[in-house]
PDB file of N, CA and C in Angstrom:
ATOM      1  N   MET A   1       0.930  -1.162   0.076  1.00  0.00           N
ATOM      2  CA  MET A   1       0.047  -0.021  -0.093  1.00  0.00           C
ATOM      3  C   MET A   1       0.930   1.187   0.012  1.00  0.00           C
ATOM      4  N   SER A   2       0.505   2.248  -0.836  1.00  0.00           N
ATOM      5  CA  SER A   2       1.469   3.471  -0.791  1.00  0.00           C
ATOM      6  C   SER A   2       1.136   4.303   0.149  1.00  0.00           C
ATOM      7  N   LYS A   3       1.932   5.106   0.641  1.00  0.00           N
ATOM      8  CA  LYS A   3       1.798   6.307   1.447  1.00  0.00           C
ATOM      9  C   LYS A   3       1.720   7.513   0.847  1.00  0.00           C
ATOM     10  N   LYS A   4       0.314   8.115   1.235  1.00  0.00           N
ATOM     11  CA  LYS A   4       0.132   9.428   0.655  1.00  0.00           C
ATOM     12  C   LYS A   4      -0.030  10.510   1.651  1.00  0.00           C
ATOM     13  N   SER A   5       0.610  11.683   1.163  1.00  0.00           N
ATOM     14  CA  SER A   5       0.480  12.821   2.266  1.00  0.00           C
ATOM     15  C   SER A   5       0.024  14.129   1.471  1.00  0.00           C
ATOM     16  N   VAL A   6      -0.396  14.957   2.277  1.00  0.00           N
ATOM     17  CA  VAL A   6      -0.545  16.291   2.114  1.00  0.00           C
ATOM     18  C   VAL A   6       0.311  17.221   3.258  1.00  0.00           C
ATOM     19  N   ILE A   7       1.010  17.920   2.559  1.00  0.00           N
ATOM     20  CA  ILE A   7       1.844  18.651   3.704  1.00  0.00           C
ATOM     21  C   ILE A   7       1.767  20.092   3.471  1.00  0.00           C
ATOM     22  N   ARG A   8       1.048  20.787   4.619  1.00  0.00           N
ATOM     23  CA  ARG A   8       0.947  22.415   4.459  1.00  0.00           C
ATOM     24  C   ARG A   8       2.108  23.214   5.055  1.00  0.00           C
ATOM     25  N   PHE A   9       2.701  23.969   4.369  1.00  0.00           N
ATOM     26  CA  PHE A   9       3.700  24.557   5.001  1.00  0.00           C
ATOM     27  C   PHE A   9       3.332  26.016   5.200  1.00  0.00           C
ATOM     28  N   THR A  10       3.599  26.342   6.234  1.00  0.00           N
ATOM     29  CA  THR A  10       3.007  27.702   6.915  1.00  0.00           C
ATOM     30  C   THR A  10       4.080  28.419   7.838  1.00  0.00           C
ATOM     31  N   ALA A  11       3.437  29.742   8.260  1.00  0.00           N
ATOM     32  CA  ALA A  11       4.433  30.440   9.147  1.00  0.00           C
ATOM     33  C   ALA A  11       3.408  31.167  10.092  1.00  0.00           C
ATOM     34  N   THR A  12       3.657  31.521  11.329  1.00  0.00           N
ATOM     35  CA  THR A  12       2.982  32.179  12.246  1.00  0.00           C
ATOM     36  C   THR A  12       2.534  33.644  11.544  1.00  0.00           C
ATOM     37  N   TRP A  13       3.369  34.090  11.190  1.00  0.00           N
ATOM     38  CA  TRP A  13       3.283  35.469  10.579  1.00  0.00           C
ATOM     39  C   TRP A  13       2.747  35.802   9.372  1.00  0.00           C
ATOM     40  N   CYS A  14       2.281  34.703   8.853  1.00  0.00           N
ATOM     41  CA  CYS A  14       1.673  34.592   7.250  1.00  0.00           C
ATOM     42  C   CYS A  14       0.220  34.738   7.239  1.00  0.00           C
ATOM     43  N   ALA A  15      -0.322  35.964   6.986  1.00  0.00           N
ATOM     44  CA  ALA A  15      -1.599  36.163   6.845  1.00  0.00           C
ATOM     45  C   ALA A  15      -2.444  35.150   5.965  1.00  0.00           C
ATOM     46  N   PRO A  16      -1.838  35.052   4.665  1.00  0.00           N
ATOM     47  CA  PRO A  16      -2.520  33.922   3.876  1.00  0.00           C
ATOM     48  C   PRO A  16      -2.617  32.504   4.438  1.00  0.00           C
ATOM     49  N   CYS A  17      -1.620  32.343   5.081  1.00  0.00           N
ATOM     50  CA  CYS A  17      -1.580  30.917   5.862  1.00  0.00           C
ATOM     51  C   CYS A  17      -2.664  30.839   6.700  1.00  0.00           C
ATOM     52  N   ARG A  18      -3.145  32.007   7.358  1.00  0.00           N
ATOM     53  CA  ARG A  18      -4.041  31.634   8.436  1.00  0.00           C
ATOM     54  C   ARG A  18      -5.252  31.561   7.622  1.00  0.00           C
ATOM     55  N   ALA A  19      -5.544  32.299   6.721  1.00  0.00           N
ATOM     56  CA  ALA A  19      -6.736  32.086   5.807  1.00  0.00           C
ATOM     57  C   ALA A  19      -7.066  30.891   5.031  1.00  0.00           C
ATOM     58  N   LEU A  20      -5.780  30.108   4.875  1.00  0.00           N
ATOM     59  CA  LEU A  20      -5.999  28.805   4.144  1.00  0.00           C
ATOM     60  C   LEU A  20      -6.046  27.852   5.225  1.00  0.00           C
ATOM     61  N   LYS A  21      -5.847  27.916   6.632  1.00  0.00           N
ATOM     62  CA  LYS A  21      -5.816  27.076   7.762  1.00  0.00           C
ATOM     63  C   LYS A  21      -7.189  26.352   7.777  1.00  0.00           C
ATOM     64  N   PRO A  22      -8.420  27.145   7.856  1.00  0.00           N
ATOM     65  CA  PRO A  22      -9.704  26.409   7.911  1.00  0.00           C
ATOM     66  C   PRO A  22     -10.176  25.727   6.760  1.00  0.00           C
ATOM     67  N   VAL A  23      -9.645  26.024   5.648  1.00  0.00           N
ATOM     68  CA  VAL A  23      -9.898  25.233   4.501  1.00  0.00           C
ATOM     69  C   VAL A  23      -9.376  23.982   4.457  1.00  0.00           C
ATOM     70  N   MET A  24      -8.017  23.963   4.839  1.00  0.00           N
ATOM     71  CA  MET A  24      -7.410  22.780   5.044  1.00  0.00           C
ATOM     72  C   MET A  24      -7.817  21.909   6.035  1.00  0.00           C
ATOM     73  N   GLU A  25      -8.200  22.305   7.295  1.00  0.00           N
ATOM     74  CA  GLU A  25      -8.596  21.500   8.314  1.00  0.00           C
ATOM     75  C   GLU A  25     -10.000  20.954   7.873  1.00  0.00           C
ATOM     76  N   ASN A  26     -10.941  21.855   7.080  1.00  0.00           N
ATOM     77  CA  ASN A  26     -12.230  21.243   6.659  1.00  0.00           C
ATOM     78  C   ASN A  26     -11.921  19.955   5.655  1.00  0.00           C
ATOM     79  N   LEU A  27     -11.126  20.167   4.695  1.00  0.00           N
ATOM     80  CA  LEU A  27     -10.662  19.207   3.819  1.00  0.00           C
ATOM     81  C   LEU A  27     -10.108  17.655   4.569  1.00  0.00           C
ATOM     82  N   GLN A  28      -9.431  18.035   5.359  1.00  0.00           N
ATOM     83  CA  GLN A  28      -8.802  17.023   6.602  1.00  0.00           C
ATOM     84  C   GLN A  28     -10.087  16.360   7.132  1.00  0.00           C
ATOM     85  N   LYS A  29     -11.087  17.109   7.569  1.00  0.00           N
ATOM     86  CA  LYS A  29     -12.056  16.473   8.154  1.00  0.00           C
ATOM     87  C   LYS A  29     -13.070  15.613   7.164  1.00  0.00           C
ATOM     88  N   GLU A  30     -13.117  16.086   6.137  1.00  0.00           N
ATOM     89  CA  GLU A  30     -13.769  15.446   5.051  1.00  0.00           C
ATOM     90  C   GLU A  30     -13.455  14.178   4.434  1.00  0.00           C
ATOM     91  N   ASP A  31     -12.150  13.943   4.529  1.00  0.00           N
ATOM     92  CA  ASP A  31     -11.330  12.919   4.002  1.00  0.00           C
ATOM     93  C   ASP A  31     -11.567  11.665   4.543  1.00  0.00           C
ATOM     94  N   THR A  32     -11.891  10.823   3.734  1.00  0.00           N
ATOM     95  CA  THR A  32     -12.068   9.321   4.225  1.00  0.00           C
ATOM     96  C   THR A  32     -11.171   8.250   3.684  1.00  0.00           C
ATOM     97  N   SER A  33     -10.107   9.005   3.052  1.00  0.00           N
ATOM     98  CA  SER A  33      -9.133   7.827   2.671  1.00  0.00           C
ATOM     99  C   SER A  33      -7.908   7.862   3.914  1.00  0.00           C
ATOM    100  N   ASN A  34      -6.940   7.319   3.577  1.00  0.00           N
ATOM    101  CA  ASN A  34      -5.940   7.112   4.756  1.00  0.00           C
ATOM    102  C   ASN A  34      -4.696   8.097   4.499  1.00  0.00           C
ATOM    103  N   ILE A  35      -4.825   9.219   3.815  1.00  0.00           N
ATOM    104  CA  ILE A  35      -4.024  10.250   3.463  1.00  0.00           C
ATOM    105  C   ILE A  35      -3.508  10.710   5.009  1.00  0.00           C
ATOM    106  N   SER A  36      -2.236  10.835   5.058  1.00  0.00           N
ATOM    107  CA  SER A  36      -1.787  11.810   6.052  1.00  0.00           C
ATOM    108  C   SER A  36      -1.860  13.119   6.023  1.00  0.00           C
ATOM    109  N   TRP A  37      -2.053  13.804   7.026  1.00  0.00           N
ATOM    110  CA  TRP A  37      -2.229  15.365   6.936  1.00  0.00           C
ATOM    111  C   TRP A  37      -1.025  16.028   7.920  1.00  0.00           C
ATOM    112  N   GLU A  38      -0.176  16.787   7.457  1.00  0.00           N
ATOM    113  CA  GLU A  38       0.630  17.471   7.992  1.00  0.00           C
ATOM    114  C   GLU A  38       0.777  18.752   7.914  1.00  0.00           C
ATOM    115  N   THR A  39       1.286  19.586   8.874  1.00  0.00           N
ATOM    116  CA  THR A  39       1.393  20.917   8.917  1.00  0.00           C
ATOM    117  C   THR A  39       2.737  21.305   9.473  1.00  0.00           C
ATOM    118  N   ILE A  40       3.542  22.113   8.657  1.00  0.00           N
ATOM    119  CA  ILE A  40       5.036  22.277   9.032  1.00  0.00           C
ATOM    120  C   ILE A  40       5.326  23.748   9.091  1.00  0.00           C
ATOM    121  N   ASP A  41       5.441  24.264  10.110  1.00  0.00           N
ATOM    122  CA  ASP A  41       6.014  25.826  10.351  1.00  0.00           C
ATOM    123  C   ASP A  41       7.270  25.796   9.787  1.00  0.00           C
ATOM    124  N   ILE A  42       7.588  26.667   8.866  1.00  0.00           N
ATOM    125  CA  ILE A  42       8.938  26.888   8.114  1.00  0.00           C
ATOM    126  C   ILE A  42      10.062  27.346   9.165  1.00  0.00           C
ATOM    127  N   ASP A  43       9.449  28.071  10.091  1.00  0.00           N
ATOM    128  CA  ASP A  43      10.389  28.911  11.055  1.00  0.00           C
ATOM    129  C   ASP A  43      10.937  27.868  12.066  1.00  0.00           C
ATOM    130  N   VAL A  44       9.850  26.653  12.453  1.00  0.00           N
ATOM    131  CA  VAL A  44      10.249  25.861  13.320  1.00  0.00           C
ATOM    132  C   VAL A  44      10.994  24.868  12.733  1.00  0.00           C
ATOM    133  N   LEU A  45      10.758  24.320  11.402  1.00  0.00           N
ATOM    134  CA  LEU A  45      11.421  23.200  10.744  1.00  0.00           C
ATOM    135  C   LEU A  45      11.934  23.787   9.495  1.00  0.00           C
ATOM    136  N   PRO A  46      12.933  24.613   9.630  1.00  0.00           N
ATOM    137  CA  PRO A  46      13.382  25.239   8.294  1.00  0.00           C
ATOM    138  C   PRO A  46      14.064  24.384   7.136  1.00  0.00           C
ATOM    139  N   GLU A  47      14.883  23.145   7.937  1.00  0.00           N
ATOM    140  CA  GLU A  47      15.532  21.991   7.327  1.00  0.00           C
ATOM    141  C   GLU A  47      14.351  21.563   6.364  1.00  0.00           C
ATOM    142  N   THR A  48      13.176  21.100   6.889  1.00  0.00           N
ATOM    143  CA  THR A  48      12.173  20.343   6.067  1.00  0.00           C
ATOM    144  C   THR A  48      11.688  21.216   5.071  1.00  0.00           C
ATOM    145  N   ALA A  49      11.456  22.488   5.314  1.00  0.00           N
ATOM    146  CA  ALA A  49      11.056  23.143   4.148  1.00  0.00           C
ATOM    147  C   ALA A  49      11.892  23.403   3.155  1.00  0.00           C
ATOM    148  N   LEU A  50      13.397  23.581   3.393  1.00  0.00           N
ATOM    149  CA  LEU A  50      14.656  23.587   2.366  1.00  0.00           C
ATOM    150  C   LEU A  50      14.617  21.962   1.678  1.00  0.00           C
ATOM    151  N   ALA A  51      14.140  20.994   2.398  1.00  0.00           N
ATOM    152  CA  ALA A  51      14.147  19.637   1.422  1.00  0.00           C
ATOM    153  C   ALA A  51      13.169  19.600   0.520  1.00  0.00           C
ATOM    154  N   TYR A  52      12.244  20.004   0.843  1.00  0.00           N
ATOM    155  CA  TYR A  52      10.837  20.160  -0.067  1.00  0.00           C
ATOM    156  C   TYR A  52      10.988  21.681  -1.039  1.00  0.00           C
ATOM    157  N   GLU A  53      12.152  22.386  -0.987  1.00  0.00           N
ATOM    158  CA  GLU A  53      12.247  23.382  -1.771  1.00  0.00           C
ATOM    159  C   GLU A  53      11.273  24.521  -1.541  1.00  0.00           C
ATOM    160  N   ILE A  54      10.808  24.858  -0.557  1.00  0.00           N
ATOM    161  CA  ILE A  54       9.781  25.670  -0.350  1.00  0.00           C
ATOM    162  C   ILE A  54      10.335  27.128  -0.176  1.00  0.00           C
ATOM    163  N   ARG A  55       9.719  27.974  -1.232  1.00  0.00           N
ATOM    164  CA  ARG A  55      10.360  29.484  -1.211  1.00  0.00           C
ATOM    165  C   ARG A  55       9.195  30.411  -0.852  1.00  0.00           C
ATOM    166  N   SER A  56       8.069  29.944  -0.734  1.00  0.00           N
ATOM    167  CA  SER A  56       6.881  30.899  -0.426  1.00  0.00           C
ATOM    168  C   SER A  56       5.838  30.070   0.502  1.00  0.00           C
ATOM    169  N   VAL A  57       5.250  30.830   1.295  1.00  0.00           N
ATOM    170  CA  VAL A  57       4.219  30.112   1.993  1.00  0.00           C
ATOM    171  C   VAL A  57       2.887  30.987   1.823  1.00  0.00           C
ATOM    172  N   PRO A  58       1.877  30.546   2.009  1.00  0.00           N
ATOM    173  CA  PRO A  58       1.390  29.013   2.104  1.00  0.00           C
ATOM    174  C   PRO A  58       1.829  28.107   0.813  1.00  0.00           C
ATOM    175  N   THR A  59       2.549  26.873   1.114  1.00  0.00           N
ATOM    176  CA  THR A  59       2.470  26.138  -0.192  1.00  0.00           C
ATOM    177  C   THR A  59       1.896  24.474   0.526  1.00  0.00           C
ATOM    178  N   VAL A  60       1.158  23.993  -0.254  1.00  0.00           N
ATOM    179  CA  VAL A  60       0.620  22.667   0.193  1.00  0.00           C
ATOM    180  C   VAL A  60       1.373  21.824  -0.912  1.00  0.00           C
ATOM    181  N   VAL A  61       1.764  20.682  -0.348  1.00  0.00           N
ATOM    182  CA  VAL A  61       2.625  19.956  -1.361  1.00  0.00           C
ATOM    183  C   VAL A  61       1.768  18.324  -1.229  1.00  0.00           C
ATOM    184  N   PHE A  62       1.513  17.600  -2.296  1.00  0.00           N
ATOM    185  CA  PHE A  62       0.753  16.315  -2.419  1.00  0.00           C
ATOM    186  C   PHE A  62       1.834  15.499  -2.409  1.00  0.00           C
ATOM    187  N   VAL A  63       2.058  14.486  -1.862  1.00  0.00           N
ATOM    188  CA  VAL A  63       3.107  13.230  -1.972  1.00  0.00           C
ATOM    189  C   VAL A  63       2.581  12.016  -1.982  1.00  0.00           C
ATOM    190  N   LYS A  64       3.358  11.185  -2.727  1.00  0.00           N
ATOM    191  CA  LYS A  64       2.804   9.686  -3.058  1.00  0.00           C
ATOM    192  C   LYS A  64       4.274   9.000  -2.719  1.00  0.00           C
ATOM    193  N   ASP A  65       4.498   8.226  -1.713  1.00  0.00           N
ATOM    194  CA  ASP A  65       5.783   7.273  -1.741  1.00  0.00           C
ATOM    195  C   ASP A  65       6.818   8.364  -1.710  1.00  0.00           C
ATOM    196  N   GLY A  66       6.809   9.430  -1.133  1.00  0.00           N
ATOM    197  CA  GLY A  66       8.078  10.238  -1.251  1.00  0.00           C
ATOM    198  C   GLY A  66       8.269  11.040  -2.206  1.00  0.00           C
ATOM    199  N   GLU A  67       7.507  10.926  -3.195  1.00  0.00           N
ATOM    200  CA  GLU A  67       7.515  11.486  -4.689  1.00  0.00           C
ATOM    201  C   GLU A  67       6.396  12.880  -4.483  1.00  0.00           C
ATOM    202  N   ILE A  68       7.019  14.077  -4.913  1.00  0.00           N
ATOM    203  CA  ILE A  68       6.051  15.023  -4.975  1.00  0.00           C
ATOM    204  C   ILE A  68       5.105  14.877  -6.333  1.00  0.00           C
ATOM    205  N   LEU A  69       4.087  14.931  -5.985  1.00  0.00           N
ATOM    206  CA  LEU A  69       2.896  14.794  -7.280  1.00  0.00           C
ATOM    207  C   LEU A  69       2.514  16.135  -7.704  1.00  0.00           C
ATOM    208  N   SER A  70       2.489  16.972  -6.821  1.00  0.00           N
ATOM    209  CA  SER A  70       1.885  18.533  -7.240  1.00  0.00           C
ATOM    210  C   SER A  70       1.965  19.533  -5.883  1.00  0.00           C
ATOM    211  N   LYS A  71       2.369  20.753  -6.347  1.00  0.00           N
ATOM    212  CA  LYS A  71       2.640  21.755  -5.149  1.00  0.00           C
ATOM    213  C   LYS A  71       1.516  23.151  -5.614  1.00  0.00           C
ATOM    214  N   LEU A  72       0.846  23.437  -4.707  1.00  0.00           N
ATOM    215  CA  LEU A  72       0.222  24.662  -4.823  1.00  0.00           C
ATOM    216  C   LEU A  72       0.679  25.754  -3.938  1.00  0.00           C
ATOM    217  N   VAL A  73       1.410  26.736  -4.665  1.00  0.00           N
ATOM    218  CA  VAL A  73       1.896  27.652  -3.726  1.00  0.00           C
ATOM    219  C   VAL A  73       1.049  28.849  -3.712  1.00  0.00           C
ATOM    220  N   GLY A  74       0.733  29.504  -2.508  1.00  0.00           N
ATOM    221  CA  GLY A  74      -0.145  30.563  -2.514  1.00  0.00           C
ATOM    222  C   GLY A  74      -1.308  30.063  -2.174  1.00  0.00           C
ATOM    223  N   ILE A  75      -2.359  31.041  -2.236  1.00  0.00           N
ATOM    224  CA  ILE A  75      -3.818  30.700  -1.989  1.00  0.00           C
ATOM    225  C   ILE A  75      -4.752  30.435  -3.191  1.00  0.00           C
ATOM    226  N   TYR A  76      -5.489  29.190  -3.031  1.00  0.00           N
ATOM    227  CA  TYR A  76      -6.201  29.055  -4.396  1.00  0.00           C
ATOM    228  C   TYR A  76      -7.719  28.778  -3.829  1.00  0.00           C
ATOM    229  N   PRO A  77      -8.680  28.599  -4.798  1.00  0.00           N
ATOM    230  CA  PRO A  77     -10.036  28.573  -4.516  1.00  0.00           C
ATOM    231  C   PRO A  77     -10.219  26.922  -3.878  1.00  0.00           C
ATOM    232  N   ARG A  78     -10.932  26.801  -3.105  1.00  0.00           N
ATOM    233  CA  ARG A  78     -11.110  25.195  -2.409  1.00  0.00           C
ATOM    234  C   ARG A  78     -11.071  24.255  -3.513  1.00  0.00           C
ATOM    235  N   THR A  79     -11.672  24.539  -4.653  1.00  0.00           N
ATOM    236  CA  THR A  79     -11.873  23.659  -5.807  1.00  0.00           C
ATOM    237  C   THR A  79     -10.389  22.832  -6.053  1.00  0.00           C
ATOM    238  N   GLU A  80      -9.497  23.891  -6.312  1.00  0.00           N
ATOM    239  CA  GLU A  80      -8.114  23.485  -6.527  1.00  0.00           C
ATOM    240  C   GLU A  80      -7.674  22.332  -5.760  1.00  0.00           C
ATOM    241  N   TYR A  81      -7.739  22.586  -4.391  1.00  0.00           N
ATOM    242  CA  TYR A  81      -7.268  21.640  -3.528  1.00  0.00           C
ATOM    243  C   TYR A  81      -7.985  20.428  -3.246  1.00  0.00           C
ATOM    244  N   VAL A  82      -9.260  20.507  -3.839  1.00  0.00           N
ATOM    245  CA  VAL A  82     -10.078  19.150  -3.995  1.00  0.00           C
ATOM    246  C   VAL A  82      -9.601  18.347  -5.096  1.00  0.00           C
ATOM    247  N   LYS A  83      -9.356  19.164  -6.159  1.00  0.00           N
ATOM    248  CA  LYS A  83      -8.990  18.490  -7.362  1.00  0.00           C
ATOM    249  C   LYS A  83      -7.268  17.932  -7.237  1.00  0.00           C
ATOM    250  N   ALA A  84      -6.504  18.422  -6.455  1.00  0.00           N
ATOM    251  CA  ALA A  84      -5.273  17.822  -6.167  1.00  0.00           C
ATOM    252  C   ALA A  84      -5.442  16.837  -5.331  1.00  0.00           C
ATOM    253  N   LEU A  85      -6.488  16.751  -4.278  1.00  0.00           N
ATOM    254  CA  LEU A  85      -6.524  15.664  -3.467  1.00  0.00           C
ATOM    255  C   LEU A  85      -7.250  14.395  -4.102  1.00  0.00           C
ATOM    256  N   GLU A  86      -8.038  14.649  -5.141  1.00  0.00           N
ATOM    257  CA  GLU A  86      -8.590  13.740  -5.963  1.00  0.00           C
ATOM    258  C   GLU A  86      -7.390  12.882  -6.711  1.00  0.00           C
ATOM    259  N   GLU A  87      -6.586  13.743  -7.575  1.00  0.00           N
ATOM    260  CA  GLU A  87      -5.350  13.322  -8.013  1.00  0.00           C
ATOM    261  C   GLU A  87      -4.424  12.429  -7.214  1.00  0.00           C
ATOM    262  N   LEU A  88      -4.459  12.888  -6.191  1.00  0.00           N
ATOM    263  CA  LEU A  88      -3.473  12.057  -5.145  1.00  0.00           C
ATOM    264  C   LEU A  88      -4.005  10.932  -4.841  1.00  0.00           C
ATOM    265  N   GLU A  89      -5.404  10.898  -4.526  1.00  0.00           N
ATOM    266  CA  GLU A  89      -6.017   9.462  -4.075  1.00  0.00           C
ATOM    267  C   GLU A  89      -6.011   8.707  -5.303  1.00  0.00           C
ATOM    268  N   ASN A  90      -6.031   9.148  -6.385  1.00  0.00           N
ATOM    269  CA  ASN A  90      -6.151   7.985  -7.598  1.00  0.00           C
ATOM    270  C   ASN A  90      -4.726   7.708  -8.065  1.00  0.00           C
ATOM    271  N   ALA A  91      -3.818   8.239  -7.655  1.00  0.00           N
ATOM    272  CA  ALA A  91      -2.447   8.039  -8.168  1.00  0.00           C
ATOM    273  C   ALA A  91      -1.952   6.777  -7.697  1.00  0.00           C
TER     274      ALA A  91
END
């Protein structure tokens, strides 16, 4: 079985990150698959942000078996996150 993850990179000082938080939390609550959901503060774990080549926050990374399938940098409509989740689930 493959490991699938959604990783949201954020920072406490980032206003768009705060705006995205409830959207991502609602998507996580609605998720019925076994996708792992993670939130990483780039100021707390800068080495992880560097490893994923995060240059701007918010960034949401969709990962399957350690491979990045897609990244959404900035804020998008909820439908874009749903689409990326569906692609991850079907990957």
